[in-house]
Amino acid sequence: NGVFHVKLQLANGSSDDLRKAIMREHKANKKEAIARNPKRTS
């Protein structure tokens, strides 16, 4: 069906805010997943 995509390379300093924002989303998502599945260990 097709996928549009692109990769973007950023230098260390200019990538910091973007990486931190993504990690915040990921940690919140993981916390919710653990709460819904308390028996899952990994």
PDB file of all heavy atoms in Angstrom:
ATOM      1  N   ASN A   1       0.815  -1.218   0.000  1.00  0.00           N
ATOM      2  CA  ASN A   1       0.000   0.000   0.000  1.00  0.00           C
ATOM      3  C   ASN A   1       0.849   1.269   0.000  1.00  0.00           C
ATOM      4  O   ASN A   1       0.337   2.346  -0.286  1.00  0.00           O
ATOM      5  CB  ASN A   1      -0.920   0.014   1.220  1.00  0.00           C
ATOM      6  CG  ASN A   1      -2.006  -1.032   1.122  1.00  0.00           C
ATOM      7  OD1 ASN A   1      -2.555  -1.287   0.050  1.00  0.00           O
ATOM      8  ND2 ASN A   1      -2.339  -1.659   2.249  1.00  0.00           N
ATOM      9  N   GLY A   2       2.114   1.137   0.342  1.00  0.00           N
ATOM     10  CA  GLY A   2       3.033   2.267   0.276  1.00  0.00           C
ATOM     11  C   GLY A   2       3.211   2.991   1.598  1.00  0.00           C
ATOM     12  O   GLY A   2       2.268   3.129   2.376  1.00  0.00           O
ATOM     13  N   VAL A   3       4.437   3.436   1.838  1.00  0.00           N
ATOM     14  CA  VAL A   3       4.776   4.215   3.029  1.00  0.00           C
ATOM     15  C   VAL A   3       5.660   5.379   2.619  1.00  0.00           C
ATOM     16  O   VAL A   3       6.668   5.195   1.925  1.00  0.00           O
ATOM     17  CB  VAL A   3       5.516   3.354   4.083  1.00  0.00           C
ATOM     18  CG1 VAL A   3       5.915   4.204   5.288  1.00  0.00           C
ATOM     19  CG2 VAL A   3       4.660   2.170   4.517  1.00  0.00           C
ATOM     20  N   PHE A   4       5.284   6.591   3.016  1.00  0.00           N
ATOM     21  CA  PHE A   4       6.147   7.752   2.867  1.00  0.00           C
ATOM     22  C   PHE A   4       7.098   7.769   4.065  1.00  0.00           C
ATOM     23  O   PHE A   4       6.681   7.509   5.200  1.00  0.00           O
ATOM     24  CB  PHE A   4       5.332   9.047   2.847  1.00  0.00           C
ATOM     25  CG  PHE A   4       4.377   9.150   1.691  1.00  0.00           C
ATOM     26  CD1 PHE A   4       3.030   8.845   1.856  1.00  0.00           C
ATOM     27  CD2 PHE A   4       4.817   9.555   0.436  1.00  0.00           C
ATOM     28  CE1 PHE A   4       2.141   8.937   0.793  1.00  0.00           C
ATOM     29  CE2 PHE A   4       3.933   9.646  -0.632  1.00  0.00           C
ATOM     30  CZ  PHE A   4       2.593   9.342  -0.454  1.00  0.00           C
ATOM     31  N   HIS A   5       8.360   8.085   3.829  1.00  0.00           N
ATOM     32  CA  HIS A   5       9.283   8.121   4.963  1.00  0.00           C
ATOM     33  C   HIS A   5      10.508   8.972   4.651  1.00  0.00           C
ATOM     34  O   HIS A   5      10.821   9.235   3.479  1.00  0.00           O
ATOM     35  CB  HIS A   5       9.693   6.710   5.386  1.00  0.00           C
ATOM     36  CG  HIS A   5      10.380   5.903   4.323  1.00  0.00           C
ATOM     37  ND1 HIS A   5      11.717   6.052   4.001  1.00  0.00           N
ATOM     38  CD2 HIS A   5       9.910   4.920   3.519  1.00  0.00           C
ATOM     39  CE1 HIS A   5      12.037   5.211   3.048  1.00  0.00           C
ATOM     40  NE2 HIS A   5      10.960   4.505   2.724  1.00  0.00           N
ATOM     41  N   VAL A   6      11.195   9.377   5.710  1.00  0.00           N
ATOM     42  CA  VAL A   6      12.440  10.137   5.588  1.00  0.00           C
ATOM     43  C   VAL A   6      13.195  10.014   6.903  1.00  0.00           C
ATOM     44  O   VAL A   6      12.587   9.891   7.967  1.00  0.00           O
ATOM     45  CB  VAL A   6      12.164  11.625   5.247  1.00  0.00           C
ATOM     46  CG1 VAL A   6      11.377  12.308   6.366  1.00  0.00           C
ATOM     47  CG2 VAL A   6      13.459  12.382   4.989  1.00  0.00           C
ATOM     48  N   LYS A   7      14.510  10.031   6.819  1.00  0.00           N
ATOM     49  CA  LYS A   7      15.353  10.066   8.013  1.00  0.00           C
ATOM     50  C   LYS A   7      15.992  11.451   8.102  1.00  0.00           C
ATOM     51  O   LYS A   7      16.353  12.045   7.078  1.00  0.00           O
ATOM     52  CB  LYS A   7      16.422   8.980   7.950  1.00  0.00           C
ATOM     53  CG  LYS A   7      15.844   7.576   8.008  1.00  0.00           C
ATOM     54  CD  LYS A   7      16.930   6.507   7.963  1.00  0.00           C
ATOM     55  CE  LYS A   7      16.319   5.109   8.060  1.00  0.00           C
ATOM     56  NZ  LYS A   7      17.345   4.044   8.017  1.00  0.00           N
ATOM     57  N   LEU A   8      16.122  11.950   9.329  1.00  0.00           N
ATOM     58  CA  LEU A   8      16.697  13.272   9.554  1.00  0.00           C
ATOM     59  C   LEU A   8      17.863  13.140  10.517  1.00  0.00           C
ATOM     60  O   LEU A   8      17.712  12.616  11.626  1.00  0.00           O
ATOM     61  CB  LEU A   8      15.652  14.233  10.125  1.00  0.00           C
ATOM     62  CG  LEU A   8      16.116  15.682  10.289  1.00  0.00           C
ATOM     63  CD1 LEU A   8      16.210  16.369   8.926  1.00  0.00           C
ATOM     64  CD2 LEU A   8      15.168  16.464  11.198  1.00  0.00           C
ATOM     65  N   GLN A   9      19.030  13.620  10.100  1.00  0.00           N
ATOM     66  CA  GLN A   9      20.216  13.577  10.945  1.00  0.00           C
ATOM     67  C   GLN A   9      20.448  14.936  11.587  1.00  0.00           C
ATOM     68  O   GLN A   9      20.492  15.959  10.894  1.00  0.00           O
ATOM     69  CB  GLN A   9      21.437  13.160  10.116  1.00  0.00           C
ATOM     70  CG  GLN A   9      21.327  11.748   9.560  1.00  0.00           C
ATOM     71  CD  GLN A   9      22.543  11.318   8.786  1.00  0.00           C
ATOM     72  OE1 GLN A   9      23.430  12.129   8.484  1.00  0.00           O
ATOM     73  NE2 GLN A   9      22.615  10.041   8.424  1.00  0.00           N
ATOM     74  N   LEU A  10      20.585  14.917  12.913  1.00  0.00           N
ATOM     75  CA  LEU A  10      20.802  16.142  13.682  1.00  0.00           C
ATOM     76  C   LEU A  10      22.078  16.010  14.502  1.00  0.00           C
ATOM     77  O   LEU A  10      22.366  14.938  15.050  1.00  0.00           O
ATOM     78  CB  LEU A  10      19.622  16.410  14.630  1.00  0.00           C
ATOM     79  CG  LEU A  10      18.265  16.693  13.989  1.00  0.00           C
ATOM     80  CD1 LEU A  10      17.194  16.779  15.070  1.00  0.00           C
ATOM     81  CD2 LEU A  10      18.303  17.979  13.175  1.00  0.00           C
ATOM     82  N   ALA A  11      22.824  17.108  14.616  1.00  0.00           N
ATOM     83  CA  ALA A  11      24.022  17.124  15.441  1.00  0.00           C
ATOM     84  C   ALA A  11      23.631  16.990  16.904  1.00  0.00           C
ATOM     85  O   ALA A  11      22.475  17.208  17.283  1.00  0.00           O
ATOM     86  CB  ALA A  11      24.807  18.411  15.202  1.00  0.00           C
ATOM     87  N   ASN A  12      24.599  16.631  17.742  1.00  0.00           N
ATOM     88  CA  ASN A  12      24.325  16.362  19.152  1.00  0.00           C
ATOM     89  C   ASN A  12      23.535  17.471  19.835  1.00  0.00           C
ATOM     90  O   ASN A  12      22.509  17.235  20.451  1.00  0.00           O
ATOM     91  CB  ASN A  12      25.633  16.124  19.902  1.00  0.00           C
ATOM     92  CG  ASN A  12      26.156  14.710  19.692  1.00  0.00           C
ATOM     93  OD1 ASN A  12      25.394  13.763  19.700  1.00  0.00           O
ATOM     94  ND2 ASN A  12      27.458  14.581  19.500  1.00  0.00           N
ATOM     95  N   GLY A  13      23.982  18.704  19.738  1.00  0.00           N
ATOM     96  CA  GLY A  13      23.313  19.803  20.433  1.00  0.00           C
ATOM     97  C   GLY A  13      21.906  20.056  19.948  1.00  0.00           C
ATOM     98  O   GLY A  13      20.987  20.250  20.748  1.00  0.00           O
ATOM     99  N   SER A  14      21.692  20.012  18.638  1.00  0.00           N
ATOM    100  CA  SER A  14      20.380  20.344  18.082  1.00  0.00           C
ATOM    101  C   SER A  14      19.372  19.218  18.245  1.00  0.00           C
ATOM    102  O   SER A  14      18.171  19.424  18.063  1.00  0.00           O
ATOM    103  CB  SER A  14      20.509  20.713  16.602  1.00  0.00           C
ATOM    104  OG  SER A  14      21.043  19.638  15.858  1.00  0.00           O
ATOM    105  N   SER A  15      19.828  18.029  18.619  1.00  0.00           N
ATOM    106  CA  SER A  15      18.915  16.896  18.766  1.00  0.00           C
ATOM    107  C   SER A  15      18.412  16.717  20.195  1.00  0.00           C
ATOM    108  O   SER A  15      17.501  15.920  20.434  1.00  0.00           O
ATOM    109  CB  SER A  15      19.604  15.596  18.329  1.00  0.00           C
ATOM    110  OG  SER A  15      20.631  15.238  19.237  1.00  0.00           O
ATOM    111  N   ASP A  16      18.987  17.444  21.152  1.00  0.00           N
ATOM    112  CA  ASP A  16      18.705  17.196  22.572  1.00  0.00           C
ATOM    113  C   ASP A  16      17.225  17.344  22.916  1.00  0.00           C
ATOM    114  O   ASP A  16      16.626  16.460  23.543  1.00  0.00           O
ATOM    115  CB  ASP A  16      19.534  18.133  23.451  1.00  0.00           C
ATOM    116  CG  ASP A  16      21.021  17.795  23.409  1.00  0.00           C
ATOM    117  OD1 ASP A  16      21.362  16.721  22.878  1.00  0.00           O
ATOM    118  OD2 ASP A  16      21.833  18.611  23.898  1.00  0.00           O
ATOM    119  N   ASP A  17      16.620  18.462  22.550  1.00  0.00           N
ATOM    120  CA  ASP A  17      15.222  18.717  22.918  1.00  0.00           C
ATOM    121  C   ASP A  17      14.289  17.686  22.300  1.00  0.00           C
ATOM    122  O   ASP A  17      13.321  17.235  22.935  1.00  0.00           O
ATOM    123  CB  ASP A  17      14.804  20.127  22.492  1.00  0.00           C
ATOM    124  CG  ASP A  17      15.459  21.207  23.339  1.00  0.00           C
ATOM    125  OD1 ASP A  17      15.989  20.872  24.419  1.00  0.00           O
ATOM    126  OD2 ASP A  17      15.452  22.372  22.918  1.00  0.00           O
ATOM    127  N   LEU A  18      14.555  17.309  21.057  1.00  0.00           N
ATOM    128  CA  LEU A  18      13.706  16.335  20.370  1.00  0.00           C
ATOM    129  C   LEU A  18      13.806  14.971  21.040  1.00  0.00           C
ATOM    130  O   LEU A  18      12.787  14.310  21.281  1.00  0.00           O
ATOM    131  CB  LEU A  18      14.103  16.253  18.899  1.00  0.00           C
ATOM    132  CG  LEU A  18      13.284  15.318  18.013  1.00  0.00           C
ATOM    133  CD1 LEU A  18      11.807  15.640  18.084  1.00  0.00           C
ATOM    134  CD2 LEU A  18      13.781  15.382  16.564  1.00  0.00           C
ATOM    135  N   ARG A  19      15.000  14.542  21.361  1.00  0.00           N
ATOM    136  CA  ARG A  19      15.176  13.245  22.029  1.00  0.00           C
ATOM    137  C   ARG A  19      14.500  13.236  23.396  1.00  0.00           C
ATOM    138  O   ARG A  19      13.851  12.255  23.779  1.00  0.00           O
ATOM    139  CB  ARG A  19      16.663  12.924  22.181  1.00  0.00           C
ATOM    140  CG  ARG A  19      17.322  12.489  20.890  1.00  0.00           C
ATOM    141  CD  ARG A  19      18.711  11.941  21.125  1.00  0.00           C
ATOM    142  NE  ARG A  19      19.622  12.956  21.650  1.00  0.00           N
ATOM    143  CZ  ARG A  19      20.119  12.970  22.872  1.00  0.00           C
ATOM    144  NH1 ARG A  19      19.791  12.008  23.725  1.00  0.00           N
ATOM    145  NH2 ARG A  19      20.947  13.929  23.256  1.00  0.00           N
ATOM    146  N   LYS A  20      14.635  14.329  24.143  1.00  0.00           N
ATOM    147  CA  LYS A  20      14.021  14.400  25.471  1.00  0.00           C
ATOM    148  C   LYS A  20      12.498  14.336  25.375  1.00  0.00           C
ATOM    149  O   LYS A  20      11.847  13.680  26.197  1.00  0.00           O
ATOM    150  CB  LYS A  20      14.463  15.683  26.177  1.00  0.00           C
ATOM    151  CG  LYS A  20      15.928  15.678  26.599  1.00  0.00           C
ATOM    152  CD  LYS A  20      16.322  17.005  27.217  1.00  0.00           C
ATOM    153  CE  LYS A  20      17.808  17.026  27.591  1.00  0.00           C
ATOM    154  NZ  LYS A  20      18.204  18.358  28.129  1.00  0.00           N
ATOM    155  N   ALA A  21      11.929  15.021  24.383  1.00  0.00           N
ATOM    156  CA  ALA A  21      10.470  15.006  24.206  1.00  0.00           C
ATOM    157  C   ALA A  21       9.983  13.597  23.870  1.00  0.00           C
ATOM    158  O   ALA A  21       8.955  13.132  24.382  1.00  0.00           O
ATOM    159  CB  ALA A  21      10.059  15.988  23.111  1.00  0.00           C
ATOM    160  N   ILE A  22      10.714  12.896  23.012  1.00  0.00           N
ATOM    161  CA  ILE A  22      10.339  11.527  22.653  1.00  0.00           C
ATOM    162  C   ILE A  22      10.453  10.605  23.860  1.00  0.00           C
ATOM    163  O   ILE A  22       9.580   9.757  24.107  1.00  0.00           O
ATOM    164  CB  ILE A  22      11.227  11.016  21.494  1.00  0.00           C
ATOM    165  CG1 ILE A  22      10.930  11.805  20.217  1.00  0.00           C
ATOM    166  CG2 ILE A  22      10.993   9.513  21.253  1.00  0.00           C
ATOM    167  CD1 ILE A  22      11.898  11.533  19.091  1.00  0.00           C
ATOM    168  N   MET A  23      11.499  10.773  24.650  1.00  0.00           N
ATOM    169  CA  MET A  23      11.686   9.923  25.833  1.00  0.00           C
ATOM    170  C   MET A  23      10.599  10.165  26.871  1.00  0.00           C
ATOM    171  O   MET A  23      10.171   9.223  27.560  1.00  0.00           O
ATOM    172  CB  MET A  23      13.070  10.161  26.439  1.00  0.00           C
ATOM    173  CG  MET A  23      14.218   9.604  25.605  1.00  0.00           C
ATOM    174  SD  MET A  23      14.037   7.840  25.204  1.00  0.00           S
ATOM    175  CE  MET A  23      13.953   7.123  26.854  1.00  0.00           C
ATOM    176  N   ARG A  24      10.123  11.396  26.985  1.00  0.00           N
ATOM    177  CA  ARG A  24       9.012  11.670  27.907  1.00  0.00           C
ATOM    178  C   ARG A  24       7.765  10.909  27.473  1.00  0.00           C
ATOM    179  O   ARG A  24       7.056  10.320  28.299  1.00  0.00           O
ATOM    180  CB  ARG A  24       8.733  13.181  27.973  1.00  0.00           C
ATOM    181  CG  ARG A  24       9.732  13.962  28.807  1.00  0.00           C
ATOM    182  CD  ARG A  24       9.208  15.353  29.138  1.00  0.00           C
ATOM    183  NE  ARG A  24       8.991  16.153  27.941  1.00  0.00           N
ATOM    184  CZ  ARG A  24       9.921  16.949  27.409  1.00  0.00           C
ATOM    185  NH1 ARG A  24      11.118  17.036  27.960  1.00  0.00           N
ATOM    186  NH2 ARG A  24       9.652  17.660  26.327  1.00  0.00           N
ATOM    187  N   GLU A  25       7.477  10.939  26.163  1.00  0.00           N
ATOM    188  CA  GLU A  25       6.331  10.193  25.638  1.00  0.00           C
ATOM    189  C   GLU A  25       6.506   8.696  25.910  1.00  0.00           C
ATOM    190  O   GLU A  25       5.560   8.004  26.305  1.00  0.00           O
ATOM    191  CB  GLU A  25       6.200  10.428  24.135  1.00  0.00           C
ATOM    192  CG  GLU A  25       5.790  11.838  23.737  1.00  0.00           C
ATOM    193  CD  GLU A  25       4.280  12.015  23.749  1.00  0.00           C
ATOM    194  OE1 GLU A  25       3.556  11.075  24.142  1.00  0.00           O
ATOM    195  OE2 GLU A  25       3.833  13.103  23.369  1.00  0.00           O
ATOM    196  N   HIS A  26       7.707   8.202  25.686  1.00  0.00           N
ATOM    197  CA  HIS A  26       7.973   6.770  25.849  1.00  0.00           C
ATOM    198  C   HIS A  26       7.826   6.339  27.311  1.00  0.00           C
ATOM    199  O   HIS A  26       7.211   5.298  27.605  1.00  0.00           O
ATOM    200  CB  HIS A  26       9.378   6.452  25.352  1.00  0.00           C
ATOM    201  CG  HIS A  26       9.746   5.003  25.482  1.00  0.00           C
ATOM    202  ND1 HIS A  26       9.089   4.007  24.799  1.00  0.00           N
ATOM    203  CD2 HIS A  26      10.700   4.382  26.235  1.00  0.00           C
ATOM    204  CE1 HIS A  26       9.621   2.836  25.115  1.00  0.00           C
ATOM    205  NE2 HIS A  26      10.599   3.038  25.990  1.00  0.00           N
ATOM    206  N   LYS A  27       8.369   7.116  28.235  1.00  0.00           N
ATOM    207  CA  LYS A  27       8.294   6.751  29.655  1.00  0.00           C
ATOM    208  C   LYS A  27       6.853   6.778  30.163  1.00  0.00           C
ATOM    209  O   LYS A  27       6.444   5.903  30.934  1.00  0.00           O
ATOM    210  CB  LYS A  27       9.175   7.700  30.473  1.00  0.00           C
ATOM    211  CG  LYS A  27      10.672   7.472  30.263  1.00  0.00           C
ATOM    212  CD  LYS A  27      11.504   8.476  31.045  1.00  0.00           C
ATOM    213  CE  LYS A  27      13.000   8.238  30.827  1.00  0.00           C
ATOM    214  NZ  LYS A  27      13.833   9.221  31.547  1.00  0.00           N
ATOM    215  N   ALA A  28       6.081   7.774  29.727  1.00  0.00           N
ATOM    216  CA  ALA A  28       4.673   7.838  30.127  1.00  0.00           C
ATOM    217  C   ALA A  28       3.895   6.657  29.563  1.00  0.00           C
ATOM    218  O   ALA A  28       3.045   6.059  30.239  1.00  0.00           O
ATOM    219  CB  ALA A  28       4.060   9.162  29.661  1.00  0.00           C
ATOM    220  N   ASN A  29       4.188   6.289  28.331  1.00  0.00           N
ATOM    221  CA  ASN A  29       3.536   5.154  27.695  1.00  0.00           C
ATOM    222  C   ASN A  29       3.896   3.852  28.406  1.00  0.00           C
ATOM    223  O   ASN A  29       3.033   2.991  28.646  1.00  0.00           O
ATOM    224  CB  ASN A  29       3.960   5.086  26.222  1.00  0.00           C
ATOM    225  CG  ASN A  29       3.220   4.035  25.437  1.00  0.00           C
ATOM    226  OD1 ASN A  29       2.040   3.792  25.647  1.00  0.00           O
ATOM    227  ND2 ASN A  29       3.926   3.395  24.514  1.00  0.00           N
ATOM    228  N   LYS A  30       5.162   3.695  28.759  1.00  0.00           N
ATOM    229  CA  LYS A  30       5.610   2.488  29.450  1.00  0.00           C
ATOM    230  C   LYS A  30       4.980   2.379  30.837  1.00  0.00           C
ATOM    231  O   LYS A  30       4.567   1.285  31.256  1.00  0.00           O
ATOM    232  CB  LYS A  30       7.134   2.493  29.561  1.00  0.00           C
ATOM    233  CG  LYS A  30       7.698   1.224  30.177  1.00  0.00           C
ATOM    234  CD  LYS A  30       9.217   1.255  30.190  1.00  0.00           C
ATOM    235  CE  LYS A  30       9.781  -0.017  30.818  1.00  0.00           C
ATOM    236  NZ  LYS A  30      11.260  -0.008  30.834  1.00  0.00           N
ATOM    237  N   LYS A  31       4.886   3.499  31.527  1.00  0.00           N
ATOM    238  CA  LYS A  31       4.265   3.506  32.860  1.00  0.00           C
ATOM    239  C   LYS A  31       2.815   3.036  32.783  1.00  0.00           C
ATOM    240  O   LYS A  31       2.348   2.237  33.610  1.00  0.00           O
ATOM    241  CB  LYS A  31       4.351   4.909  33.457  1.00  0.00           C
ATOM    242  CG  LYS A  31       3.807   5.014  34.867  1.00  0.00           C
ATOM    243  CD  LYS A  31       3.975   6.440  35.406  1.00  0.00           C
ATOM    244  CE  LYS A  31       3.424   6.547  36.821  1.00  0.00           C
ATOM    245  NZ  LYS A  31       3.597   7.934  37.359  1.00  0.00           N
ATOM    246  N   GLU A  32       2.097   3.528  31.762  1.00  0.00           N
ATOM    247  CA  GLU A  32       0.705   3.125  31.577  1.00  0.00           C
ATOM    248  C   GLU A  32       0.600   1.647  31.209  1.00  0.00           C
ATOM    249  O   GLU A  32      -0.291   0.934  31.689  1.00  0.00           O
ATOM    250  CB  GLU A  32       0.054   3.988  30.501  1.00  0.00           C
ATOM    251  CG  GLU A  32      -1.418   3.699  30.294  1.00  0.00           C
ATOM    252  CD  GLU A  32      -2.057   4.610  29.264  1.00  0.00           C
ATOM    253  OE1 GLU A  32      -1.420   5.610  28.882  1.00  0.00           O
ATOM    254  OE2 GLU A  32      -3.185   4.315  28.840  1.00  0.00           O
ATOM    255  N   ALA A  33       1.525   1.169  30.384  1.00  0.00           N
ATOM    256  CA  ALA A  33       1.512  -0.240  29.987  1.00  0.00           C
ATOM    257  C   ALA A  33       1.762  -1.150  31.181  1.00  0.00           C
ATOM    258  O   ALA A  33       1.129  -2.202  31.315  1.00  0.00           O
ATOM    259  CB  ALA A  33       2.573  -0.477  28.912  1.00  0.00           C
ATOM    260  N   ILE A  34       2.671  -0.753  32.063  1.00  0.00           N
ATOM    261  CA  ILE A  34       2.955  -1.547  33.256  1.00  0.00           C
ATOM    262  C   ILE A  34       1.746  -1.576  34.187  1.00  0.00           C
ATOM    263  O   ILE A  34       1.406  -2.604  34.762  1.00  0.00           O
ATOM    264  CB  ILE A  34       4.196  -0.985  33.978  1.00  0.00           C
ATOM    265  CG1 ILE A  34       5.451  -1.215  33.120  1.00  0.00           C
ATOM    266  CG2 ILE A  34       4.364  -1.626  35.347  1.00  0.00           C
ATOM    267  CD1 ILE A  34       6.694  -0.556  33.663  1.00  0.00           C
ATOM    268  N   ALA A  35       1.072  -0.424  34.307  1.00  0.00           N
ATOM    269  CA  ALA A  35      -0.115  -0.359  35.169  1.00  0.00           C
ATOM    270  C   ALA A  35      -1.221  -1.276  34.655  1.00  0.00           C
ATOM    271  O   ALA A  35      -1.961  -1.883  35.443  1.00  0.00           O
ATOM    272  CB  ALA A  35      -0.611   1.080  35.251  1.00  0.00           C
ATOM    273  N   ARG A  36      -1.336  -1.377  33.316  1.00  0.00           N
ATOM    274  CA  ARG A  36      -2.367  -2.240  32.729  1.00  0.00           C
ATOM    275  C   ARG A  36      -1.981  -3.711  32.747  1.00  0.00           C
ATOM    276  O   ARG A  36      -2.852  -4.582  32.671  1.00  0.00           O
ATOM    277  CB  ARG A  36      -2.644  -1.803  31.289  1.00  0.00           C
ATOM    278  CG  ARG A  36      -3.315  -0.452  31.153  1.00  0.00           C
ATOM    279  CD  ARG A  36      -3.592  -0.157  29.693  1.00  0.00           C
ATOM    280  NE  ARG A  36      -4.299   1.109  29.507  1.00  0.00           N
ATOM    281  CZ  ARG A  36      -4.695   1.573  28.331  1.00  0.00           C
ATOM    282  NH1 ARG A  36      -4.451   0.856  27.227  1.00  0.00           N
ATOM    283  NH2 ARG A  36      -5.321   2.722  28.238  1.00  0.00           N
ATOM    284  N   ASN A  37      -0.673  -3.982  32.828  1.00  0.00           N
ATOM    285  CA  ASN A  37      -0.186  -5.364  32.773  1.00  0.00           C
ATOM    286  C   ASN A  37       0.828  -5.585  33.900  1.00  0.00           C
ATOM    287  O   ASN A  37       2.034  -5.750  33.642  1.00  0.00           O
ATOM    288  CB  ASN A  37       0.467  -5.639  31.419  1.00  0.00           C
ATOM    289  CG  ASN A  37      -0.469  -5.402  30.254  1.00  0.00           C
ATOM    290  OD1 ASN A  37      -1.165  -6.299  29.812  1.00  0.00           O
ATOM    291  ND2 ASN A  37      -0.494  -4.164  29.762  1.00  0.00           N
ATOM    292  N   PRO A  38       0.377  -5.570  35.154  1.00  0.00           N
ATOM    293  CA  PRO A  38       1.299  -5.650  36.291  1.00  0.00           C
ATOM    294  C   PRO A  38       2.092  -6.951  36.358  1.00  0.00           C
ATOM    295  O   PRO A  38       3.160  -6.987  36.977  1.00  0.00           O
ATOM    296  CB  PRO A  38       0.368  -5.509  37.504  1.00  0.00           C
ATOM    297  CG  PRO A  38      -0.982  -5.915  37.011  1.00  0.00           C
ATOM    298  CD  PRO A  38      -1.023  -5.485  35.578  1.00  0.00           C
ATOM    299  N   LYS A  39       1.611  -8.028  35.726  1.00  0.00           N
ATOM    300  CA  LYS A  39       2.301  -9.305  35.772  1.00  0.00           C
ATOM    301  C   LYS A  39       3.405  -9.412  34.715  1.00  0.00           C
ATOM    302  O   LYS A  39       4.229 -10.327  34.774  1.00  0.00           O
ATOM    303  CB  LYS A  39       1.305 -10.444  35.584  1.00  0.00           C
ATOM    304  CG  LYS A  39       0.293 -10.568  36.729  1.00  0.00           C
ATOM    305  CD  LYS A  39      -0.617 -11.754  36.516  1.00  0.00           C
ATOM    306  CE  LYS A  39      -1.622 -11.889  37.657  1.00  0.00           C
ATOM    307  NZ  LYS A  39      -2.517 -13.061  37.460  1.00  0.00           N
ATOM    308  N   ARG A  40       3.396  -8.495  33.758  1.00  0.00           N
ATOM    309  CA  ARG A  40       4.421  -8.545  32.711  1.00  0.00           C
ATOM    310  C   ARG A  40       5.721  -7.948  33.232  1.00  0.00           C
ATOM    311  O   ARG A  40       5.749  -6.828  33.738  1.00  0.00           O
ATOM    312  CB  ARG A  40       3.938  -7.798  31.475  1.00  0.00           C
ATOM    313  CG  ARG A  40       4.902  -7.888  30.291  1.00  0.00           C
ATOM    314  CD  ARG A  40       4.208  -7.529  29.002  1.00  0.00           C
ATOM    315  NE  ARG A  40       3.224  -8.566  28.640  1.00  0.00           N
ATOM    316  CZ  ARG A  40       2.406  -8.471  27.602  1.00  0.00           C
ATOM    317  NH1 ARG A  40       2.429  -7.405  26.836  1.00  0.00           N
ATOM    318  NH2 ARG A  40       1.552  -9.425  27.342  1.00  0.00           N
ATOM    319  N   THR A  41       6.804  -8.685  33.106  1.00  0.00           N
ATOM    320  CA  THR A  41       8.079  -8.259  33.702  1.00  0.00           C
ATOM    321  C   THR A  41       8.994  -7.536  32.727  1.00  0.00           C
ATOM    322  O   THR A  41       9.922  -6.837  33.140  1.00  0.00           O
ATOM    323  CB  THR A  41       8.825  -9.473  34.268  1.00  0.00           C
ATOM    324  OG1 THR A  41       9.044 -10.439  33.220  1.00  0.00           O
ATOM    325  CG2 THR A  41       8.017 -10.119  35.386  1.00  0.00           C
ATOM    326  N   SER A  42       8.759  -7.703  31.430  1.00  0.00           N
ATOM    327  CA  SER A  42       9.650  -7.063  30.464  1.00  0.00           C
ATOM    328  C   SER A  42       8.904  -6.730  29.177  1.00  0.00           C
ATOM    329  O   SER A  42       7.863  -7.325  28.870  1.00  0.00           O
ATOM    330  CB  SER A  42      10.853  -7.958  30.149  1.00  0.00           C
ATOM    331  OG  SER A  42      10.423  -9.152  29.520  1.00  0.00           O
TER     332      SER A  42
END
